[in-house]
C-alpha atoms as a PDB file:
ATOM      1  CA  MET A   1    -133.317 -86.966 -77.543  1.00  0.00           C
ATOM      2  CA  PHE A   2    -131.144 -87.288 -74.487  1.00  0.00           C
ATOM      3  CA  LYS A   3    -128.256 -89.719 -74.399  1.00  0.00           C
ATOM      4  CA  LEU A   4    -127.930 -91.989 -71.413  1.00  0.00           C
ATOM      5  CA  LYS A   5    -124.704 -91.440 -69.493  1.00  0.00           C
ATOM      6  CA  ARG A   6    -122.289 -94.333 -69.360  1.00  0.00           C
ATOM      7  CA  PHE A   7    -121.257 -95.213 -65.860  1.00  0.00           C
ATOM      8  CA  MET A   8    -118.195 -96.857 -64.400  1.00  0.00           C
ATOM      9  CA  PRO A   9    -118.393 -98.808 -61.123  1.00  0.00           C
ATOM     10  CA  ARG A  10    -116.908 -97.149 -58.041  1.00  0.00           C
ATOM     11  CA  ARG A  11    -115.203 -98.819 -55.120  1.00  0.00           C
ATOM     12  CA  ASP A  12    -118.164 -98.121 -52.853  1.00  0.00           C
ATOM     13  CA  GLY A  13    -120.519 -99.963 -55.183  1.00  0.00           C
ATOM     14  CA  GLN A  14    -122.165 -96.851 -56.621  1.00  0.00           C
ATOM     15  CA  ALA A  15    -121.890 -95.698 -60.186  1.00  0.00           C
ATOM     16  CA  ALA A  16    -119.630 -92.900 -61.294  1.00  0.00           C
ATOM     17  CA  PRO A  17    -119.860 -90.979 -64.579  1.00  0.00           C
ATOM     18  CA  ARG A  18    -117.427 -92.222 -67.174  1.00  0.00           C
ATOM     19  CA  HIS A  19    -116.276 -88.673 -68.001  1.00  0.00           C
ATOM     20  CA  ALA A  20    -115.332 -88.174 -64.343  1.00  0.00           C
ATOM     21  CA  PHE A  21    -113.218 -91.325 -64.483  1.00  0.00           C
ATOM     22  CA  LYS A  22    -111.450 -90.071 -67.581  1.00  0.00           C
ATOM     23  CA  ARG A  23    -110.758 -86.658 -66.094  1.00  0.00           C
ATOM     24  CA  LYS A  24    -109.330 -88.214 -62.945  1.00  0.00           C
ATOM     25  CA  ARG A  25    -107.108 -90.458 -65.035  1.00  0.00           C
ATOM     26  CA  ILE A  26    -105.848 -87.710 -67.331  1.00  0.00           C
ATOM     27  CA  PHE A  27    -105.642 -84.987 -64.666  1.00  0.00           C
ATOM     28  CA  PRO A  28    -104.969 -86.938 -61.444  1.00  0.00           C
ATOM     29  CA  ASP A  29    -104.321 -83.818 -59.366  1.00  0.00           C
ATOM     30  CA  MET A  30    -107.432 -81.834 -60.293  1.00  0.00           C
ATOM     31  CA  GLU A  31    -109.454 -83.006 -57.305  1.00  0.00           C
ATOM     32  CA  ASP A  32    -106.567 -82.426 -54.920  1.00  0.00           C
ATOM     33  CA  MET A  33    -106.337 -78.704 -55.592  1.00  0.00           C
ATOM     34  CA  GLY A  34    -108.973 -77.835 -53.015  1.00  0.00           C
ATOM     35  CA  ASP A  35    -110.049 -74.207 -53.122  1.00  0.00           C
ATOM     36  CA  SER A  36    -107.526 -73.238 -55.735  1.00  0.00           C
ATOM     37  CA  LYS A  37    -110.222 -73.730 -58.404  1.00  0.00           C
ATOM     38  CA  GLY A  38    -107.742 -74.876 -60.966  1.00  0.00           C
ATOM     39  CA  ASN A  39    -105.348 -71.967 -60.705  1.00  0.00           C
ATOM     40  CA  VAL A  40    -102.230 -73.300 -62.388  1.00  0.00           C
ATOM     41  CA  VAL A  41     -99.175 -71.287 -63.324  1.00  0.00           C
ATOM     42  CA  MET A  42     -98.695 -71.804 -67.051  1.00  0.00           C
ATOM     43  CA  MET A  43     -96.257 -69.236 -68.328  1.00  0.00           C
ATOM     44  CA  VAL A  44     -95.016 -69.275 -71.908  1.00  0.00           C
ATOM     45  CA  THR A  45     -92.070 -66.972 -72.378  1.00  0.00           C
ATOM     46  CA  ASP A  46     -89.263 -66.585 -74.854  1.00  0.00           C
ATOM     47  CA  GLY A  47     -86.836 -68.365 -72.563  1.00  0.00           C
ATOM     48  CA  ALA A  48     -85.334 -71.780 -73.104  1.00  0.00           C
ATOM     49  CA  SER A  49     -87.491 -74.833 -72.518  1.00  0.00           C
ATOM     50  CA  ILE A  50     -86.959 -76.258 -69.033  1.00  0.00           C
ATOM     51  CA  PRO A  51     -86.001 -79.962 -69.300  1.00  0.00           C
ATOM     52  CA  ASN A  52     -88.230 -82.455 -67.531  1.00  0.00           C
ATOM     53  CA  PRO A  53     -86.460 -83.297 -64.220  1.00  0.00           C
ATOM     54  CA  ARG A  54     -87.878 -86.853 -64.358  1.00  0.00           C
ATOM     55  CA  GLU A  55     -86.542 -87.570 -67.831  1.00  0.00           C
ATOM     56  CA  TRP A  56     -83.456 -89.703 -67.387  1.00  0.00           C
ATOM     57  CA  ARG A  57     -82.950 -90.738 -70.995  1.00  0.00           C
ATOM     58  CA  LEU A  58     -79.429 -90.183 -72.230  1.00  0.00           C
ATOM     59  CA  VAL A  59     -80.582 -89.010 -75.645  1.00  0.00           C
ATOM     60  CA  ASN A  60     -83.160 -86.234 -75.496  1.00  0.00           C
ATOM     61  CA  ALA A  61     -83.702 -82.775 -76.956  1.00  0.00           C
ATOM     62  CA  TRP A  62     -81.533 -81.076 -74.330  1.00  0.00           C
ATOM     63  CA  SER A  63     -78.563 -83.431 -74.692  1.00  0.00           C
ATOM     64  CA  ILE A  64     -78.698 -83.255 -78.478  1.00  0.00           C
ATOM     65  CA  SER A  65     -78.759 -79.447 -78.366  1.00  0.00           C
ATOM     66  CA  ILE A  66     -75.935 -79.018 -75.854  1.00  0.00           C
ATOM     67  CA  VAL A  67     -73.671 -81.603 -77.482  1.00  0.00           C
ATOM     68  CA  GLY A  68     -74.397 -80.157 -80.912  1.00  0.00           C
ATOM     69  CA  ALA A  69     -73.643 -76.580 -79.823  1.00  0.00           C
ATOM     70  CA  ILE A  70     -70.412 -77.409 -77.983  1.00  0.00           C
ATOM     71  CA  GLY A  71     -69.322 -79.807 -80.709  1.00  0.00           C
ATOM     72  CA  THR A  72     -69.918 -77.185 -83.381  1.00  0.00           C
ATOM     73  CA  ILE A  73     -67.782 -74.638 -81.518  1.00  0.00           C
ATOM     74  CA  PHE A  74     -64.899 -77.081 -81.129  1.00  0.00           C
ATOM     75  CA  ALA A  75     -65.201 -78.245 -84.730  1.00  0.00           C
ATOM     76  CA  LEU A  76     -65.123 -74.687 -86.098  1.00  0.00           C
ATOM     77  CA  CYS A  77     -62.103 -73.786 -83.968  1.00  0.00           C
ATOM     78  CA  ALA A  78     -60.293 -76.993 -84.975  1.00  0.00           C
ATOM     79  CA  ILE A  79     -60.998 -76.828 -88.711  1.00  0.00           C
ATOM     80  CA  TRP A  80     -60.817 -73.049 -89.178  1.00  0.00           C
ATOM     81  CA  PRO A  81     -58.804 -71.630 -86.242  1.00  0.00           C
ATOM     82  CA  GLU A  82     -58.583 -68.401 -88.189  1.00  0.00           C
ATOM     83  CA  PRO A  83     -60.900 -66.609 -87.565  1.00  0.00           C
ATOM     84  CA  TYR A  84     -63.090 -68.733 -85.221  1.00  0.00           C
ATOM     85  CA  LEU A  85     -60.459 -69.264 -82.524  1.00  0.00           C
ATOM     86  CA  ARG A  86     -59.575 -65.574 -82.597  1.00  0.00           C
ATOM     87  CA  ILE A  87     -63.255 -64.662 -82.237  1.00  0.00           C
ATOM     88  CA  LEU A  88     -63.650 -67.050 -79.316  1.00  0.00           C
ATOM     89  CA  ARG A  89     -60.692 -65.481 -77.522  1.00  0.00           C
ATOM     90  CA  TYR A  90     -62.117 -61.984 -78.057  1.00  0.00           C
ATOM     91  CA  LEU A  91     -65.517 -62.585 -76.388  1.00  0.00           C
ATOM     92  CA  PRO A  92     -64.864 -63.820 -72.788  1.00  0.00           C
ATOM     93  CA  ASP A  93     -64.809 -60.274 -71.373  1.00  0.00           C
ATOM     94  CA  GLY A  94     -68.251 -59.712 -72.838  1.00  0.00           C
ATOM     95  CA  VAL A  95     -69.511 -62.967 -71.282  1.00  0.00           C
ATOM     96  CA  LEU A  96     -68.449 -61.753 -67.828  1.00  0.00           C
ATOM     97  CA  VAL A  97     -70.252 -58.432 -68.302  1.00  0.00           C
ATOM     98  CA  THR A  98     -73.375 -60.260 -69.497  1.00  0.00           C
ATOM     99  CA  PHE A  99     -73.390 -62.442 -66.375  1.00  0.00           C
ATOM    100  CA  GLU A 100     -72.777 -59.414 -64.172  1.00  0.00           C
ATOM    101  CA  ILE A 101     -75.786 -57.571 -65.579  1.00  0.00           C
ATOM    102  CA  THR A 102     -77.955 -60.694 -65.402  1.00  0.00           C
ATOM    103  CA  ILE A 103     -77.099 -61.531 -61.784  1.00  0.00           C
ATOM    104  CA  LEU A 104     -77.601 -57.953 -60.602  1.00  0.00           C
ATOM    105  CA  SER A 105     -80.914 -57.752 -62.457  1.00  0.00           C
ATOM    106  CA  ILE A 106     -82.120 -61.019 -60.912  1.00  0.00           C
ATOM    107  CA  CYS A 107     -81.208 -59.770 -57.423  1.00  0.00           C
ATOM    108  CA  PHE A 108     -83.495 -56.756 -57.936  1.00  0.00           C
ATOM    109  CA  ALA A 109     -86.200 -58.257 -60.180  1.00  0.00           C
ATOM    110  CA  VAL A 110     -87.116 -61.258 -57.985  1.00  0.00           C
ATOM    111  CA  PRO A 111     -87.799 -59.231 -54.781  1.00  0.00           C
ATOM    112  CA  LEU A 112     -89.610 -56.621 -56.862  1.00  0.00           C
ATOM    113  CA  GLY A 113     -91.709 -59.360 -58.460  1.00  0.00           C
ATOM    114  CA  LEU A 114     -92.530 -60.822 -55.047  1.00  0.00           C
ATOM    115  CA  LEU A 115     -93.636 -57.422 -53.710  1.00  0.00           C
ATOM    116  CA  THR A 116     -95.674 -56.830 -56.864  1.00  0.00           C
ATOM    117  CA  GLY A 117     -97.368 -60.218 -56.608  1.00  0.00           C
ATOM    118  CA  LEU A 118     -98.218 -59.648 -52.953  1.00  0.00           C
ATOM    119  CA  GLY A 119     -99.481 -56.181 -53.805  1.00  0.00           C
ATOM    120  CA  ARG A 120    -101.737 -57.572 -56.522  1.00  0.00           C
ATOM    121  CA  ILE A 121    -103.521 -59.842 -54.020  1.00  0.00           C
ATOM    122  CA  SER A 122    -103.486 -57.337 -51.162  1.00  0.00           C
ATOM    123  CA  ARG A 123    -106.761 -56.397 -49.485  1.00  0.00           C
ATOM    124  CA  ASN A 124    -105.604 -52.804 -49.366  1.00  0.00           C
ATOM    125  CA  ARG A 125    -107.170 -51.197 -52.428  1.00  0.00           C
ATOM    126  CA  PHE A 126    -104.484 -48.548 -52.790  1.00  0.00           C
ATOM    127  CA  ILE A 127    -101.634 -51.100 -52.724  1.00  0.00           C
ATOM    128  CA  CYS A 128    -103.475 -53.396 -55.127  1.00  0.00           C
ATOM    129  CA  LEU A 129    -104.181 -50.508 -57.498  1.00  0.00           C
ATOM    130  CA  LEU A 130    -100.564 -49.330 -57.341  1.00  0.00           C
ATOM    131  CA  ALA A 131     -99.179 -52.810 -58.091  1.00  0.00           C
ATOM    132  CA  SER A 132    -101.691 -53.388 -60.894  1.00  0.00           C
ATOM    133  CA  THR A 133    -100.887 -50.044 -62.487  1.00  0.00           C
ATOM    134  CA  TYR A 134     -97.167 -50.801 -62.363  1.00  0.00           C
ATOM    135  CA  VAL A 135     -97.734 -54.150 -64.098  1.00  0.00           C
ATOM    136  CA  GLU A 136     -99.981 -52.698 -66.797  1.00  0.00           C
ATOM    137  CA  VAL A 137     -97.677 -49.777 -67.592  1.00  0.00           C
ATOM    138  CA  ILE A 138     -94.366 -51.655 -67.613  1.00  0.00           C
ATOM    139  CA  ARG A 139     -95.670 -54.636 -69.570  1.00  0.00           C
ATOM    140  CA  GLY A 140     -97.044 -52.271 -72.181  1.00  0.00           C
ATOM    141  CA  ILE A 141     -93.655 -50.650 -72.911  1.00  0.00           C
ATOM    142  CA  PRO A 142     -90.936 -52.607 -74.757  1.00  0.00           C
ATOM    143  CA  LEU A 143     -87.689 -53.199 -72.905  1.00  0.00           C
ATOM    144  CA  LEU A 144     -85.721 -51.444 -75.632  1.00  0.00           C
ATOM    145  CA  VAL A 145     -87.776 -48.281 -75.140  1.00  0.00           C
ATOM    146  CA  GLN A 146     -87.200 -48.452 -71.384  1.00  0.00           C
ATOM    147  CA  LEU A 147     -83.449 -48.728 -71.949  1.00  0.00           C
ATOM    148  CA  PHE A 148     -83.467 -45.645 -74.187  1.00  0.00           C
ATOM    149  CA  TYR A 149     -85.679 -43.729 -71.768  1.00  0.00           C
ATOM    150  CA  ILE A 150     -83.552 -44.341 -68.664  1.00  0.00           C
ATOM    151  CA  TYR A 151     -80.194 -43.862 -70.385  1.00  0.00           C
ATOM    152  CA  TYR A 152     -80.976 -41.014 -72.790  1.00  0.00           C
ATOM    153  CA  ALA A 153     -84.229 -39.304 -71.761  1.00  0.00           C
ATOM    154  CA  LEU A 154     -83.496 -39.166 -68.029  1.00  0.00           C
ATOM    155  CA  SER A 155     -79.966 -37.926 -68.707  1.00  0.00           C
ATOM    156  CA  ARG A 156     -81.566 -34.486 -68.937  1.00  0.00           C
ATOM    157  CA  PHE A 157     -81.944 -34.582 -65.150  1.00  0.00           C
ATOM    158  CA  PHE A 158     -79.115 -36.856 -63.982  1.00  0.00           C
ATOM    159  CA  GLN A 159     -76.359 -38.950 -65.513  1.00  0.00           C
ATOM    160  CA  VAL A 160     -76.225 -42.716 -65.045  1.00  0.00           C
ATOM    161  CA  SER A 161     -73.756 -45.241 -66.416  1.00  0.00           C
ATOM    162  CA  GLY A 162     -74.640 -47.795 -69.048  1.00  0.00           C
ATOM    163  CA  ILE A 163     -74.525 -50.752 -66.664  1.00  0.00           C
ATOM    164  CA  THR A 164     -76.686 -48.939 -64.091  1.00  0.00           C
ATOM    165  CA  SER A 165     -79.247 -48.069 -66.766  1.00  0.00           C
ATOM    166  CA  ALA A 166     -79.227 -51.649 -68.041  1.00  0.00           C
ATOM    167  CA  VAL A 167     -79.727 -53.204 -64.601  1.00  0.00           C
ATOM    168  CA  THR A 168     -82.439 -50.692 -63.696  1.00  0.00           C
ATOM    169  CA  SER A 169     -84.387 -51.186 -66.924  1.00  0.00           C
ATOM    170  CA  ILE A 170     -84.204 -54.983 -66.900  1.00  0.00           C
ATOM    171  CA  SER A 171     -85.086 -55.179 -63.196  1.00  0.00           C
ATOM    172  CA  ILE A 172     -88.129 -52.932 -63.575  1.00  0.00           C
ATOM    173  CA  CYS A 173     -89.295 -54.715 -66.731  1.00  0.00           C
ATOM    174  CA  TYR A 174     -88.949 -58.264 -65.443  1.00  0.00           C
ATOM    175  CA  GLY A 175     -90.208 -57.329 -61.983  1.00  0.00           C
ATOM    176  CA  ALA A 176     -93.612 -56.749 -63.586  1.00  0.00           C
ATOM    177  CA  TYR A 177     -93.574 -60.114 -65.339  1.00  0.00           C
ATOM    178  CA  MET A 178     -92.402 -61.966 -62.243  1.00  0.00           C
ATOM    179  CA  GLY A 179     -95.099 -60.226 -60.223  1.00  0.00           C
ATOM    180  CA  GLU A 180     -97.719 -62.046 -62.275  1.00  0.00           C
ATOM    181  CA  VAL A 181     -95.847 -65.324 -61.777  1.00  0.00           C
ATOM    182  CA  PHE A 182     -95.803 -64.882 -57.994  1.00  0.00           C
ATOM    183  CA  ARG A 183     -99.445 -63.838 -57.940  1.00  0.00           C
ATOM    184  CA  ALA A 184    -100.567 -66.902 -59.894  1.00  0.00           C
ATOM    185  CA  GLY A 185     -98.401 -69.236 -57.819  1.00  0.00           C
ATOM    186  CA  ILE A 186     -99.778 -67.898 -54.530  1.00  0.00           C
ATOM    187  CA  MET A 187    -103.364 -68.102 -55.747  1.00  0.00           C
ATOM    188  CA  ALA A 188    -102.800 -71.733 -56.753  1.00  0.00           C
ATOM    189  CA  ILE A 189    -102.405 -72.722 -53.079  1.00  0.00           C
ATOM    190  CA  PRO A 190    -105.730 -73.896 -51.576  1.00  0.00           C
ATOM    191  CA  LYS A 191    -107.330 -71.451 -49.165  1.00  0.00           C
ATOM    192  CA  GLY A 192    -107.546 -74.222 -46.599  1.00  0.00           C
ATOM    193  CA  GLN A 193    -103.800 -73.918 -46.024  1.00  0.00           C
ATOM    194  CA  SER A 194    -104.153 -70.273 -44.987  1.00  0.00           C
ATOM    195  CA  GLU A 195    -107.199 -70.988 -42.864  1.00  0.00           C
ATOM    196  CA  ALA A 196    -105.409 -73.809 -41.062  1.00  0.00           C
ATOM    197  CA  ALA A 197    -102.404 -71.592 -40.348  1.00  0.00           C
ATOM    198  CA  ARG A 198    -104.604 -68.774 -39.029  1.00  0.00           C
ATOM    199  CA  SER A 199    -106.468 -71.220 -36.794  1.00  0.00           C
ATOM    200  CA  LEU A 200    -103.119 -72.193 -35.252  1.00  0.00           C
ATOM    201  CA  GLY A 201    -102.414 -68.577 -34.299  1.00  0.00           C
ATOM    202  CA  PHE A 202    -100.314 -67.442 -37.274  1.00  0.00           C
ATOM    203  CA  ASN A 203    -100.749 -63.841 -38.357  1.00  0.00           C
ATOM    204  CA  ARG A 204    -100.988 -62.873 -42.031  1.00  0.00           C
ATOM    205  CA  PHE A 205     -97.245 -62.292 -42.417  1.00  0.00           C
ATOM    206  CA  GLN A 206     -96.368 -65.649 -40.858  1.00  0.00           C
ATOM    207  CA  THR A 207     -99.036 -67.432 -42.885  1.00  0.00           C
ATOM    208  CA  MET A 208     -97.741 -66.023 -46.149  1.00  0.00           C
ATOM    209  CA  PHE A 209     -94.009 -66.506 -45.593  1.00  0.00           C
ATOM    210  CA  PHE A 210     -94.010 -69.748 -43.585  1.00  0.00           C
ATOM    211  CA  VAL A 211     -96.976 -71.631 -45.056  1.00  0.00           C
ATOM    212  CA  VAL A 212     -98.101 -70.310 -48.443  1.00  0.00           C
ATOM    213  CA  LEU A 213     -94.864 -69.212 -50.151  1.00  0.00           C
ATOM    214  CA  PRO A 214     -92.874 -72.415 -49.374  1.00  0.00           C
ATOM    215  CA  GLN A 215     -95.620 -74.435 -51.059  1.00  0.00           C
ATOM    216  CA  ALA A 216     -96.064 -71.975 -53.917  1.00  0.00           C
ATOM    217  CA  TRP A 217     -92.348 -71.910 -54.681  1.00  0.00           C
ATOM    218  CA  ARG A 218     -92.520 -75.333 -56.323  1.00  0.00           C
ATOM    219  CA  THR A 219     -95.052 -73.959 -58.789  1.00  0.00           C
ATOM    220  CA  ILE A 220     -93.282 -70.625 -59.169  1.00  0.00           C
ATOM    221  CA  LEU A 221     -89.736 -71.911 -59.729  1.00  0.00           C
ATOM    222  CA  PRO A 222     -90.034 -73.109 -63.381  1.00  0.00           C
ATOM    223  CA  PRO A 223     -91.559 -69.884 -64.770  1.00  0.00           C
ATOM    224  CA  VAL A 224     -89.243 -67.712 -62.642  1.00  0.00           C
ATOM    225  CA  GLY A 225     -86.268 -69.678 -63.921  1.00  0.00           C
ATOM    226  CA  ASN A 226     -87.536 -69.265 -67.459  1.00  0.00           C
ATOM    227  CA  GLU A 227     -87.855 -65.519 -66.930  1.00  0.00           C
ATOM    228  CA  CYS A 228     -84.267 -65.374 -65.646  1.00  0.00           C
ATOM    229  CA  ILE A 229     -83.038 -67.178 -68.755  1.00  0.00           C
ATOM    230  CA  ALA A 230     -85.031 -64.801 -70.945  1.00  0.00           C
ATOM    231  CA  MET A 231     -83.486 -61.958 -68.959  1.00  0.00           C
ATOM    232  CA  LEU A 232     -80.003 -63.169 -69.847  1.00  0.00           C
ATOM    233  CA  LYS A 233     -80.918 -63.234 -73.526  1.00  0.00           C
ATOM    234  CA  ASP A 234     -82.414 -59.754 -73.349  1.00  0.00           C
ATOM    235  CA  THR A 235     -79.134 -58.389 -72.012  1.00  0.00           C
ATOM    236  CA  SER A 236     -78.039 -58.412 -75.657  1.00  0.00           C
ATOM    237  CA  LEU A 237     -80.118 -55.227 -76.008  1.00  0.00           C
ATOM    238  CA  VAL A 238     -77.801 -53.292 -73.689  1.00  0.00           C
ATOM    239  CA  SER A 239     -75.158 -53.226 -76.414  1.00  0.00           C
ATOM    240  CA  ILE A 240     -76.947 -50.135 -77.769  1.00  0.00           C
ATOM    241  CA  LEU A 241     -75.812 -48.329 -74.577  1.00  0.00           C
ATOM    242  CA  ALA A 242     -72.169 -49.117 -75.344  1.00  0.00           C
ATOM    243  CA  VAL A 243     -72.063 -51.647 -72.493  1.00  0.00           C
ATOM    244  CA  PRO A 244     -69.300 -54.142 -73.376  1.00  0.00           C
ATOM    245  CA  ASP A 245     -71.409 -57.297 -73.238  1.00  0.00           C
ATOM    246  CA  ILE A 246     -71.172 -60.194 -75.694  1.00  0.00           C
ATOM    247  CA  MET A 247     -73.024 -58.383 -78.469  1.00  0.00           C
ATOM    248  CA  GLN A 248     -71.054 -55.164 -78.070  1.00  0.00           C
ATOM    249  CA  ARG A 249     -67.765 -57.069 -78.174  1.00  0.00           C
ATOM    250  CA  ALA A 250     -68.963 -58.884 -81.274  1.00  0.00           C
ATOM    251  CA  ARG A 251     -69.940 -55.607 -82.926  1.00  0.00           C
ATOM    252  CA  SER A 252     -66.508 -54.177 -82.145  1.00  0.00           C
ATOM    253  CA  PHE A 253     -64.829 -57.216 -83.681  1.00  0.00           C
ATOM    254  CA  VAL A 254     -67.020 -57.045 -86.785  1.00  0.00           C
ATOM    255  CA  GLY A 255     -66.286 -53.341 -87.175  1.00  0.00           C
ATOM    256  CA  THR A 256     -62.594 -54.089 -87.737  1.00  0.00           C
ATOM    257  CA  THR A 257     -62.726 -57.448 -89.543  1.00  0.00           C
ATOM    258  CA  TYR A 258     -66.116 -57.424 -91.353  1.00  0.00           C
ATOM    259  CA  LEU A 259     -66.519 -61.123 -90.513  1.00  0.00           C
ATOM    260  CA  TYR A 260     -70.269 -60.943 -89.910  1.00  0.00           C
ATOM    261  CA  PHE A 261     -71.151 -64.592 -90.534  1.00  0.00           C
ATOM    262  CA  GLU A 262     -68.329 -66.075 -88.482  1.00  0.00           C
ATOM    263  CA  THR A 263     -68.668 -63.673 -85.533  1.00  0.00           C
ATOM    264  CA  TYR A 264     -72.421 -63.893 -85.090  1.00  0.00           C
ATOM    265  CA  THR A 265     -72.337 -67.673 -85.544  1.00  0.00           C
ATOM    266  CA  VAL A 266     -70.015 -67.943 -82.531  1.00  0.00           C
ATOM    267  CA  VAL A 267     -72.160 -65.472 -80.545  1.00  0.00           C
ATOM    268  CA  ALA A 268     -75.324 -67.480 -81.239  1.00  0.00           C
ATOM    269  CA  LEU A 269     -73.640 -70.714 -80.157  1.00  0.00           C
ATOM    270  CA  ILE A 270     -72.344 -69.126 -76.935  1.00  0.00           C
ATOM    271  CA  TYR A 271     -75.817 -67.861 -76.009  1.00  0.00           C
ATOM    272  CA  LEU A 272     -77.260 -71.301 -76.799  1.00  0.00           C
ATOM    273  CA  VAL A 273     -74.773 -73.099 -74.561  1.00  0.00           C
ATOM    274  CA  ILE A 274     -75.342 -70.685 -71.670  1.00  0.00           C
ATOM    275  CA  THR A 275     -79.145 -70.887 -71.836  1.00  0.00           C
ATOM    276  CA  LEU A 276     -79.116 -74.677 -72.099  1.00  0.00           C
ATOM    277  CA  ILE A 277     -76.880 -75.011 -69.039  1.00  0.00           C
ATOM    278  CA  LEU A 278     -79.058 -72.622 -67.036  1.00  0.00           C
ATOM    279  CA  SER A 279     -82.235 -74.451 -68.075  1.00  0.00           C
ATOM    280  CA  LYS A 280     -80.712 -77.706 -66.820  1.00  0.00           C
ATOM    281  CA  CYS A 281     -79.883 -76.041 -63.494  1.00  0.00           C
ATOM    282  CA  VAL A 282     -83.499 -74.898 -63.123  1.00  0.00           C
ATOM    283  CA  SER A 283     -84.689 -78.403 -63.973  1.00  0.00           C
ATOM    284  CA  HIS A 284     -82.395 -79.871 -61.305  1.00  0.00           C
ATOM    285  CA  MET A 285     -83.700 -77.459 -58.659  1.00  0.00           C
ATOM    286  CA  GLU A 286     -87.286 -78.278 -59.622  1.00  0.00           C
ATOM    287  CA  GLY A 287     -86.561 -81.988 -59.277  1.00  0.00           C
ATOM    288  CA  ARG A 288     -85.047 -81.452 -55.826  1.00  0.00           C
ATOM    289  CA  LEU A 289     -88.084 -79.488 -54.642  1.00  0.00           C
ATOM    290  CA  ASN A 290     -90.506 -82.176 -55.844  1.00  0.00           C
ATOM    291  CA  PHE A 291     -88.338 -85.161 -54.851  1.00  0.00           C
ATOM    292  CA  TYR A 292     -90.288 -86.211 -51.771  1.00  0.00           C
ATOM    293  CA  ASP A 293     -93.650 -85.796 -53.483  1.00  0.00           C
ATOM    294  CA  GLY A 294     -92.742 -88.162 -56.286  1.00  0.00           C
ATOM    295  CA  LYS A 295     -93.864 -85.562 -58.836  1.00  0.00           C
END
């Protein structure tokens, strides 16, 4: 037996399927995606959750987390200044090194990810194959192994410093991940945008960089920001190369005091505060990009 479809009245007097009405209500932007065929960038990484830029409530998950983390640090230093205050004074140098590695890695990883994403959608088969191979190989090797390989294995041929090895490894690793983000964001733009630009006399380079990428950036920004936050957290791995980041400074302090619980509690809270602040910055930038669209 076949069930009769339930219909909802349309504005033009004709009947519309009820399931179509529900889909339009739940997913209001599905019909506006044009030729994108539902390509949506949905990246789940190990970075911090990006706060909703339209959530203006004073009490939310982000505010509870940031106030709790900062309050815990101040409370520990006020109640037990020895050793927590001494630990807190020992780590700032490591924080600066962590930010240095992260910023340098972002400066190399984002352009590399953009080139990889463009290569993945290139019509040139050789370029597409090269970019795809790079993504498959790098994403299949853990970052820790890449750090060991560049710093120790390649030292047979040439010597590189710990910071150089760290920046190189993180940039190459996250360039592959960001390449997939850029590829998905570009493919999410309807083909009609490119066709309209070409009909106005734009060449392929102008179409991509003046029409497609500015629109795709709104979709790309949240996952790219999340990858950058995850990159900062993964800098903790460079302590195995004797790079004096937060973790290496903490390990040095523990080696002389044996205060494992106290030291790593402060380190965890510092990482939490940094990632929460950066996630809020990404949320603010996302809200600014989507301000005039009311999204």
